[in-house]
Amino acid sequence: QQDTVSQVNNLLNILSVDFGQTQKAVSRELSPVEDFLQGFEKALKSGETAHEEYETYIWFIPGLLFGVICVTMIAMAGVLLSCTRKSSLQFQGVLSYSVLPFLVVMSLVAIIISMGAAVSVAVADDACNGGSDDGAPSDT
């Protein structure tokens, strides 16, 4: 019986060492995943708080759209002047080096903002919950 007890104790010691090593290995492997998920959670929280503070940024989108509209109108005027061959070299330089790059940058900013708005709406949307307090799957 002493021999059986010592064998069981020996097996328990081996299992506890293996468990500790396995736990360390799993923790080491999951560390990058946990870091990524924490960063993602921070990004979602900042998106949710920005969505709640929309009144602060309410004039940003119309201002951006107004800028894009103005630049587009200047570019259209340049096209019309070019078609009628009344465009000056200075106006062409302004179009080439300021208006068109500004139009490209503003278009990219508008695309990025609209994608961010779509993500924030998806995060803040409560489509999965049918409105009941328990939130059962049958309520969706």
N, C-alpha and C. Protein backbone atom coordinates (compact mmCIF):
# COMPACT_ATOMS: atom_id res chain seq x y z
N GLN A 1 0.83 -1.18 0.00
CA GLN A 1 0.00 0.00 0.00
C GLN A 1 0.88 1.25 0.00
N GLN A 2 1.98 1.21 0.72
CA GLN A 2 2.93 2.33 0.72
C GLN A 2 3.45 2.57 -0.69
N ASP A 3 3.72 1.48 -1.40
CA ASP A 3 4.25 1.58 -2.75
C ASP A 3 3.22 2.22 -3.69
N THR A 4 1.97 1.85 -3.53
CA THR A 4 0.90 2.42 -4.35
C THR A 4 0.73 3.91 -4.06
N VAL A 5 0.79 4.28 -2.80
CA VAL A 5 0.67 5.69 -2.42
C VAL A 5 1.82 6.49 -3.00
N SER A 6 3.03 5.98 -2.95
CA SER A 6 4.18 6.70 -3.49
C SER A 6 4.09 6.81 -5.01
N GLN A 7 3.57 5.77 -5.67
CA GLN A 7 3.39 5.84 -7.12
C GLN A 7 2.34 6.88 -7.49
N VAL A 8 1.25 6.93 -6.74
CA VAL A 8 0.20 7.93 -7.00
C VAL A 8 0.75 9.33 -6.77
N ASN A 9 1.52 9.50 -5.69
CA ASN A 9 2.13 10.82 -5.43
C ASN A 9 3.10 11.20 -6.55
N ASN A 10 3.88 10.24 -7.03
CA ASN A 10 4.82 10.49 -8.12
C ASN A 10 4.06 10.89 -9.38
N LEU A 11 2.96 10.20 -9.70
CA LEU A 11 2.14 10.56 -10.86
C LEU A 11 1.53 11.94 -10.72
N LEU A 12 1.06 12.27 -9.52
CA LEU A 12 0.50 13.60 -9.28
C LEU A 12 1.55 14.68 -9.46
N ASN A 13 2.77 14.44 -8.99
CA ASN A 13 3.84 15.42 -9.18
C ASN A 13 4.16 15.62 -10.65
N ILE A 14 4.22 14.51 -11.41
CA ILE A 14 4.50 14.60 -12.84
C ILE A 14 3.38 15.37 -13.55
N LEU A 15 2.13 15.05 -13.20
CA LEU A 15 0.99 15.74 -13.82
C LEU A 15 0.97 17.22 -13.47
N SER A 16 1.31 17.57 -12.24
CA SER A 16 1.30 18.98 -11.85
C SER A 16 2.40 19.75 -12.57
N VAL A 17 3.57 19.13 -12.77
CA VAL A 17 4.65 19.78 -13.53
C VAL A 17 4.22 19.94 -14.99
N ASP A 18 3.64 18.88 -15.58
CA ASP A 18 3.16 18.97 -16.96
C ASP A 18 2.07 20.03 -17.10
N PHE A 19 1.17 20.09 -16.13
CA PHE A 19 0.10 21.08 -16.18
C PHE A 19 0.68 22.49 -16.12
N GLY A 20 1.64 22.70 -15.26
CA GLY A 20 2.27 24.02 -15.15
C GLY A 20 2.97 24.42 -16.43
N GLN A 21 3.69 23.48 -17.04
CA GLN A 21 4.38 23.78 -18.29
C GLN A 21 3.39 24.03 -19.42
N THR A 22 2.35 23.24 -19.46
CA THR A 22 1.32 23.43 -20.49
C THR A 22 0.61 24.77 -20.31
N GLN A 23 0.33 25.12 -19.08
CA GLN A 23 -0.32 26.40 -18.80
C GLN A 23 0.56 27.56 -19.26
N LYS A 24 1.86 27.50 -18.99
CA LYS A 24 2.78 28.55 -19.42
C LYS A 24 2.86 28.62 -20.93
N ALA A 25 2.89 27.45 -21.59
CA ALA A 25 2.97 27.43 -23.05
C ALA A 25 1.71 28.01 -23.68
N VAL A 26 0.57 27.66 -23.15
CA VAL A 26 -0.69 28.19 -23.68
C VAL A 26 -0.77 29.70 -23.44
N SER A 27 -0.37 30.14 -22.26
CA SER A 27 -0.38 31.58 -21.97
C SER A 27 0.55 32.33 -22.91
N ARG A 28 1.71 31.75 -23.18
CA ARG A 28 2.67 32.38 -24.08
C ARG A 28 2.10 32.46 -25.50
N GLU A 29 1.40 31.44 -25.95
CA GLU A 29 0.83 31.43 -27.29
C GLU A 29 -0.37 32.37 -27.41
N LEU A 30 -1.14 32.52 -26.34
CA LEU A 30 -2.34 33.36 -26.39
C LEU A 30 -2.07 34.82 -26.09
N SER A 31 -0.89 35.16 -25.67
CA SER A 31 -0.58 36.54 -25.32
C SER A 31 -0.78 37.51 -26.48
N PRO A 32 -0.30 37.21 -27.70
CA PRO A 32 -0.56 38.14 -28.82
C PRO A 32 -2.05 38.27 -29.13
N VAL A 33 -2.78 37.19 -29.00
CA VAL A 33 -4.22 37.24 -29.27
C VAL A 33 -4.92 38.13 -28.25
N GLU A 34 -4.54 37.99 -26.97
CA GLU A 34 -5.13 38.83 -25.93
C GLU A 34 -4.79 40.29 -26.16
N ASP A 35 -3.55 40.59 -26.56
CA ASP A 35 -3.17 41.97 -26.85
C ASP A 35 -3.99 42.54 -28.00
N PHE A 36 -4.18 41.73 -29.05
CA PHE A 36 -4.97 42.19 -30.19
C PHE A 36 -6.41 42.46 -29.78
N LEU A 37 -6.98 41.56 -28.99
CA LEU A 37 -8.37 41.73 -28.56
C LEU A 37 -8.53 42.93 -27.65
N GLN A 38 -7.55 43.21 -26.80
CA GLN A 38 -7.62 44.40 -25.95
C GLN A 38 -7.56 45.67 -26.79
N GLY A 39 -6.69 45.68 -27.80
CA GLY A 39 -6.63 46.83 -28.70
C GLY A 39 -7.92 47.01 -29.47
N PHE A 40 -8.51 45.91 -29.91
CA PHE A 40 -9.77 45.97 -30.64
C PHE A 40 -10.89 46.48 -29.74
N GLU A 41 -10.89 46.04 -28.48
CA GLU A 41 -11.90 46.51 -27.53
C GLU A 41 -11.76 48.01 -27.28
N LYS A 42 -10.52 48.50 -27.18
CA LYS A 42 -10.30 49.94 -27.01
C LYS A 42 -10.82 50.70 -28.22
N ALA A 43 -10.57 50.17 -29.42
CA ALA A 43 -11.04 50.83 -30.64
C ALA A 43 -12.57 50.86 -30.68
N LEU A 44 -13.22 49.77 -30.29
CA LEU A 44 -14.68 49.75 -30.27
C LEU A 44 -15.23 50.75 -29.25
N LYS A 45 -14.60 50.83 -28.08
CA LYS A 45 -15.07 51.78 -27.07
C LYS A 45 -14.92 53.21 -27.55
N SER A 46 -13.80 53.52 -28.21
CA SER A 46 -13.63 54.87 -28.72
C SER A 46 -14.64 55.15 -29.83
N GLY A 47 -14.97 54.15 -30.64
CA GLY A 47 -16.00 54.33 -31.67
C GLY A 47 -17.36 54.58 -31.06
N GLU A 48 -17.67 53.86 -29.98
CA GLU A 48 -18.96 54.06 -29.32
C GLU A 48 -19.04 55.43 -28.67
N THR A 49 -17.97 55.89 -28.03
CA THR A 49 -18.01 57.22 -27.40
C THR A 49 -18.06 58.31 -28.45
N ALA A 50 -17.38 58.10 -29.59
CA ALA A 50 -17.46 59.10 -30.66
C ALA A 50 -18.87 59.14 -31.24
N HIS A 51 -19.52 57.98 -31.30
CA HIS A 51 -20.89 57.94 -31.82
C HIS A 51 -21.83 58.69 -30.88
N GLU A 52 -21.59 58.61 -29.58
CA GLU A 52 -22.43 59.30 -28.62
C GLU A 52 -22.18 60.80 -28.62
N GLU A 53 -21.00 61.24 -29.03
CA GLU A 53 -20.66 62.65 -29.03
C GLU A 53 -20.80 63.25 -30.43
N TYR A 54 -21.80 62.85 -31.16
CA TYR A 54 -21.94 63.30 -32.54
C TYR A 54 -22.19 64.79 -32.65
N GLU A 55 -22.77 65.41 -31.63
CA GLU A 55 -23.07 66.84 -31.70
C GLU A 55 -21.80 67.67 -31.81
N THR A 56 -20.70 67.17 -31.27
CA THR A 56 -19.44 67.89 -31.35
C THR A 56 -18.96 67.96 -32.79
N TYR A 57 -19.18 66.91 -33.54
CA TYR A 57 -18.65 66.83 -34.90
C TYR A 57 -19.73 66.97 -35.96
N ILE A 58 -20.86 67.53 -35.60
CA ILE A 58 -21.99 67.53 -36.53
C ILE A 58 -21.73 68.39 -37.77
N TRP A 59 -20.91 69.42 -37.66
CA TRP A 59 -20.64 70.30 -38.80
C TRP A 59 -19.43 69.85 -39.61
N PHE A 60 -18.77 68.80 -39.17
CA PHE A 60 -17.58 68.35 -39.89
C PHE A 60 -17.94 67.76 -41.25
N ILE A 61 -18.93 66.90 -41.29
CA ILE A 61 -19.32 66.23 -42.55
C ILE A 61 -19.86 67.25 -43.57
N PRO A 62 -20.79 68.15 -43.19
CA PRO A 62 -21.22 69.14 -44.19
C PRO A 62 -20.07 70.03 -44.68
N GLY A 63 -19.14 70.36 -43.78
CA GLY A 63 -17.99 71.16 -44.20
C GLY A 63 -17.12 70.40 -45.19
N LEU A 64 -16.93 69.13 -44.93
CA LEU A 64 -16.16 68.29 -45.84
C LEU A 64 -16.84 68.20 -47.19
N LEU A 65 -18.15 67.98 -47.17
CA LEU A 65 -18.90 67.90 -48.43
C LEU A 65 -18.88 69.22 -49.19
N PHE A 66 -18.97 70.34 -48.47
CA PHE A 66 -18.92 71.65 -49.11
C PHE A 66 -17.56 71.85 -49.77
N GLY A 67 -16.48 71.43 -49.10
CA GLY A 67 -15.15 71.54 -49.70
C GLY A 67 -15.03 70.71 -50.97
N VAL A 68 -15.54 69.50 -50.93
CA VAL A 68 -15.50 68.64 -52.12
C VAL A 68 -16.32 69.23 -53.25
N ILE A 69 -17.48 69.80 -52.93
CA ILE A 69 -18.33 70.42 -53.96
C ILE A 69 -17.63 71.62 -54.59
N CYS A 70 -17.01 72.46 -53.75
CA CYS A 70 -16.30 73.63 -54.28
C CYS A 70 -15.14 73.23 -55.19
N VAL A 71 -14.37 72.27 -54.76
CA VAL A 71 -13.24 71.82 -55.57
C VAL A 71 -13.73 71.19 -56.87
N THR A 72 -14.82 70.46 -56.81
CA THR A 72 -15.38 69.86 -58.02
C THR A 72 -15.85 70.93 -58.98
N MET A 73 -16.47 71.98 -58.45
CA MET A 73 -16.93 73.08 -59.32
C MET A 73 -15.74 73.79 -59.97
N ILE A 74 -14.67 73.99 -59.23
CA ILE A 74 -13.48 74.62 -59.82
C ILE A 74 -12.90 73.72 -60.91
N ALA A 75 -12.87 72.42 -60.66
CA ALA A 75 -12.36 71.49 -61.67
C ALA A 75 -13.26 71.49 -62.91
N MET A 76 -14.57 71.57 -62.71
CA MET A 76 -15.49 71.64 -63.85
C MET A 76 -15.29 72.92 -64.64
N ALA A 77 -15.05 74.03 -63.94
CA ALA A 77 -14.78 75.29 -64.63
C ALA A 77 -13.50 75.16 -65.45
N GLY A 78 -12.50 74.47 -64.89
CA GLY A 78 -11.27 74.26 -65.65
C GLY A 78 -11.50 73.43 -66.90
N VAL A 79 -12.37 72.43 -66.81
CA VAL A 79 -12.68 71.61 -67.98
C VAL A 79 -13.40 72.45 -69.03
N LEU A 80 -14.35 73.27 -68.59
CA LEU A 80 -15.08 74.12 -69.55
C LEU A 80 -14.15 75.13 -70.21
N LEU A 81 -13.27 75.75 -69.44
CA LEU A 81 -12.32 76.69 -70.03
C LEU A 81 -11.36 75.99 -70.98
N SER A 82 -10.99 74.76 -70.63
CA SER A 82 -10.09 74.01 -71.51
C SER A 82 -10.78 73.64 -72.81
N CYS A 83 -12.07 73.30 -72.75
CA CYS A 83 -12.81 72.95 -73.97
C CYS A 83 -12.96 74.15 -74.89
N THR A 84 -13.16 75.33 -74.31
CA THR A 84 -13.32 76.53 -75.13
C THR A 84 -11.97 77.18 -75.46
N ARG A 85 -10.87 76.58 -75.00
CA ARG A 85 -9.50 77.04 -75.24
C ARG A 85 -9.29 78.46 -74.72
N LYS A 86 -9.89 78.78 -73.58
CA LYS A 86 -9.73 80.09 -72.96
C LYS A 86 -8.98 79.98 -71.63
N SER A 87 -8.44 78.82 -71.33
CA SER A 87 -7.78 78.58 -70.06
C SER A 87 -6.37 79.16 -70.08
N SER A 88 -6.03 79.85 -69.00
CA SER A 88 -4.69 80.43 -68.92
C SER A 88 -3.73 79.41 -68.30
N LEU A 89 -2.46 79.66 -68.47
CA LEU A 89 -1.44 78.77 -67.93
C LEU A 89 -1.44 78.79 -66.41
N GLN A 90 -1.72 79.96 -65.83
CA GLN A 90 -1.77 80.07 -64.37
C GLN A 90 -2.94 79.26 -63.80
N PHE A 91 -4.09 79.32 -64.44
CA PHE A 91 -5.25 78.56 -63.97
C PHE A 91 -4.99 77.07 -64.09
N GLN A 92 -4.32 76.65 -65.14
CA GLN A 92 -3.98 75.24 -65.30
C GLN A 92 -3.02 74.80 -64.20
N GLY A 93 -2.09 75.67 -63.84
CA GLY A 93 -1.16 75.35 -62.76
C GLY A 93 -1.87 75.22 -61.42
N VAL A 94 -2.83 76.11 -61.17
CA VAL A 94 -3.61 76.03 -59.93
C VAL A 94 -4.41 74.73 -59.90
N LEU A 95 -5.01 74.37 -61.02
CA LEU A 95 -5.78 73.13 -61.08
C LEU A 95 -4.87 71.92 -60.88
N SER A 96 -3.73 71.92 -61.51
CA SER A 96 -2.86 70.74 -61.47
C SER A 96 -2.20 70.54 -60.11
N TYR A 97 -1.80 71.63 -59.46
CA TYR A 97 -0.99 71.49 -58.25
C TYR A 97 -1.73 71.75 -56.94
N SER A 98 -2.96 72.22 -57.01
CA SER A 98 -3.68 72.44 -55.75
C SER A 98 -5.08 71.84 -55.76
N VAL A 99 -5.86 72.13 -56.78
CA VAL A 99 -7.26 71.72 -56.76
C VAL A 99 -7.41 70.21 -56.93
N LEU A 100 -6.75 69.63 -57.90
CA LEU A 100 -6.91 68.19 -58.13
C LEU A 100 -6.34 67.34 -56.98
N PRO A 101 -5.14 67.67 -56.45
CA PRO A 101 -4.70 66.89 -55.27
C PRO A 101 -5.64 67.06 -54.08
N PHE A 102 -6.17 68.27 -53.89
CA PHE A 102 -7.12 68.50 -52.80
C PHE A 102 -8.38 67.67 -53.02
N LEU A 103 -8.85 67.57 -54.27
CA LEU A 103 -10.03 66.77 -54.57
C LEU A 103 -9.78 65.29 -54.27
N VAL A 104 -8.61 64.81 -54.62
CA VAL A 104 -8.29 63.40 -54.35
C VAL A 104 -8.23 63.15 -52.84
N VAL A 105 -7.56 64.04 -52.12
CA VAL A 105 -7.44 63.88 -50.66
C VAL A 105 -8.80 63.96 -50.00
N MET A 106 -9.62 64.92 -50.39
CA MET A 106 -10.95 65.06 -49.79
C MET A 106 -11.83 63.86 -50.11
N SER A 107 -11.69 63.32 -51.31
CA SER A 107 -12.47 62.12 -51.66
C SER A 107 -12.06 60.94 -50.79
N LEU A 108 -10.75 60.76 -50.58
CA LEU A 108 -10.29 59.68 -49.72
C LEU A 108 -10.75 59.88 -48.28
N VAL A 109 -10.70 61.11 -47.79
CA VAL A 109 -11.17 61.38 -46.43
C VAL A 109 -12.66 61.08 -46.32
N ALA A 110 -13.43 61.46 -47.34
CA ALA A 110 -14.86 61.18 -47.31
C ALA A 110 -15.14 59.68 -47.30
N ILE A 111 -14.36 58.92 -48.05
CA ILE A 111 -14.54 57.46 -48.07
C ILE A 111 -14.21 56.87 -46.70
N ILE A 112 -13.11 57.32 -46.10
CA ILE A 112 -12.71 56.81 -44.79
C ILE A 112 -13.75 57.16 -43.74
N ILE A 113 -14.26 58.38 -43.77
CA ILE A 113 -15.27 58.79 -42.78
C ILE A 113 -16.55 57.99 -42.96
N SER A 114 -16.96 57.76 -44.20
CA SER A 114 -18.19 56.99 -44.41
C SER A 114 -18.02 55.54 -43.96
N MET A 115 -16.82 54.98 -44.13
CA MET A 115 -16.59 53.62 -43.65
C MET A 115 -16.60 53.60 -42.12
N GLY A 116 -16.02 54.61 -41.49
CA GLY A 116 -16.05 54.69 -40.03
C GLY A 116 -17.46 54.87 -39.51
N ALA A 117 -18.25 55.67 -40.22
CA ALA A 117 -19.64 55.87 -39.80
C ALA A 117 -20.43 54.57 -39.93
N ALA A 118 -20.15 53.81 -40.98
CA ALA A 118 -20.84 52.53 -41.15
C ALA A 118 -20.49 51.57 -40.02
N VAL A 119 -19.22 51.56 -39.62
CA VAL A 119 -18.81 50.68 -38.52
C VAL A 119 -19.46 51.13 -37.21
N SER A 120 -19.47 52.44 -36.95
CA SER A 120 -20.06 52.92 -35.70
C SER A 120 -21.57 52.67 -35.65
N VAL A 121 -22.24 52.76 -36.79
CA VAL A 121 -23.67 52.46 -36.82
C VAL A 121 -23.89 50.97 -36.57
N ALA A 122 -23.03 50.13 -37.15
CA ALA A 122 -23.17 48.69 -36.93
C ALA A 122 -22.91 48.32 -35.47
N VAL A 123 -21.96 49.02 -34.83
CA VAL A 123 -21.66 48.74 -33.43
C VAL A 123 -22.80 49.20 -32.54
N ALA A 124 -23.36 50.37 -32.85
CA ALA A 124 -24.40 50.93 -31.99
C ALA A 124 -25.78 50.38 -32.30
N ASP A 125 -25.94 49.69 -33.42
CA ASP A 125 -27.24 49.16 -33.80
C ASP A 125 -27.63 48.01 -32.87
N ASP A 126 -28.91 47.94 -32.57
CA ASP A 126 -29.40 46.91 -31.66
C ASP A 126 -30.31 45.96 -32.42
N ALA A 127 -29.85 45.52 -33.60
CA ALA A 127 -30.70 44.69 -34.45
C ALA A 127 -30.84 43.27 -33.93
N CYS A 128 -29.86 42.80 -33.17
CA CYS A 128 -29.91 41.42 -32.70
C CYS A 128 -30.85 41.25 -31.52
N ASN A 129 -31.19 42.31 -30.88
CA ASN A 129 -32.07 42.23 -29.72
C ASN A 129 -33.46 42.69 -30.14
N GLY A 130 -34.42 41.83 -29.94
CA GLY A 130 -35.78 42.14 -30.36
C GLY A 130 -36.49 43.11 -29.44
N GLY A 131 -35.86 43.52 -28.38
CA GLY A 131 -36.46 44.50 -27.50
C GLY A 131 -36.83 43.95 -26.14
N SER A 132 -36.82 42.63 -25.96
CA SER A 132 -37.18 42.10 -24.65
C SER A 132 -35.98 42.20 -23.73
N ASP A 133 -36.25 42.09 -22.44
CA ASP A 133 -35.19 42.25 -21.46
C ASP A 133 -34.25 41.06 -21.40
N ASP A 134 -34.76 39.85 -21.66
CA ASP A 134 -33.89 38.69 -21.54
C ASP A 134 -33.02 38.47 -22.76
N GLY A 135 -33.37 39.02 -23.91
CA GLY A 135 -32.55 38.90 -25.09
C GLY A 135 -32.42 37.48 -25.63
N ALA A 136 -33.47 36.72 -25.54
CA ALA A 136 -33.44 35.34 -26.01
C ALA A 136 -33.34 35.30 -27.54
N PRO A 137 -32.75 34.26 -28.09
CA PRO A 137 -32.63 34.17 -29.55
C PRO A 137 -33.97 34.15 -30.27
N SER A 138 -35.00 33.68 -29.60
CA SER A 138 -36.31 33.64 -30.26
C SER A 138 -36.91 35.04 -30.42
N ASP A 139 -36.35 36.04 -29.72
CA ASP A 139 -36.87 37.39 -29.81
C ASP A 139 -36.29 38.18 -30.97
N THR A 140 -35.33 37.62 -31.68
CA THR A 140 -34.70 38.39 -32.76
C THR A 140 -35.51 38.31 -34.02
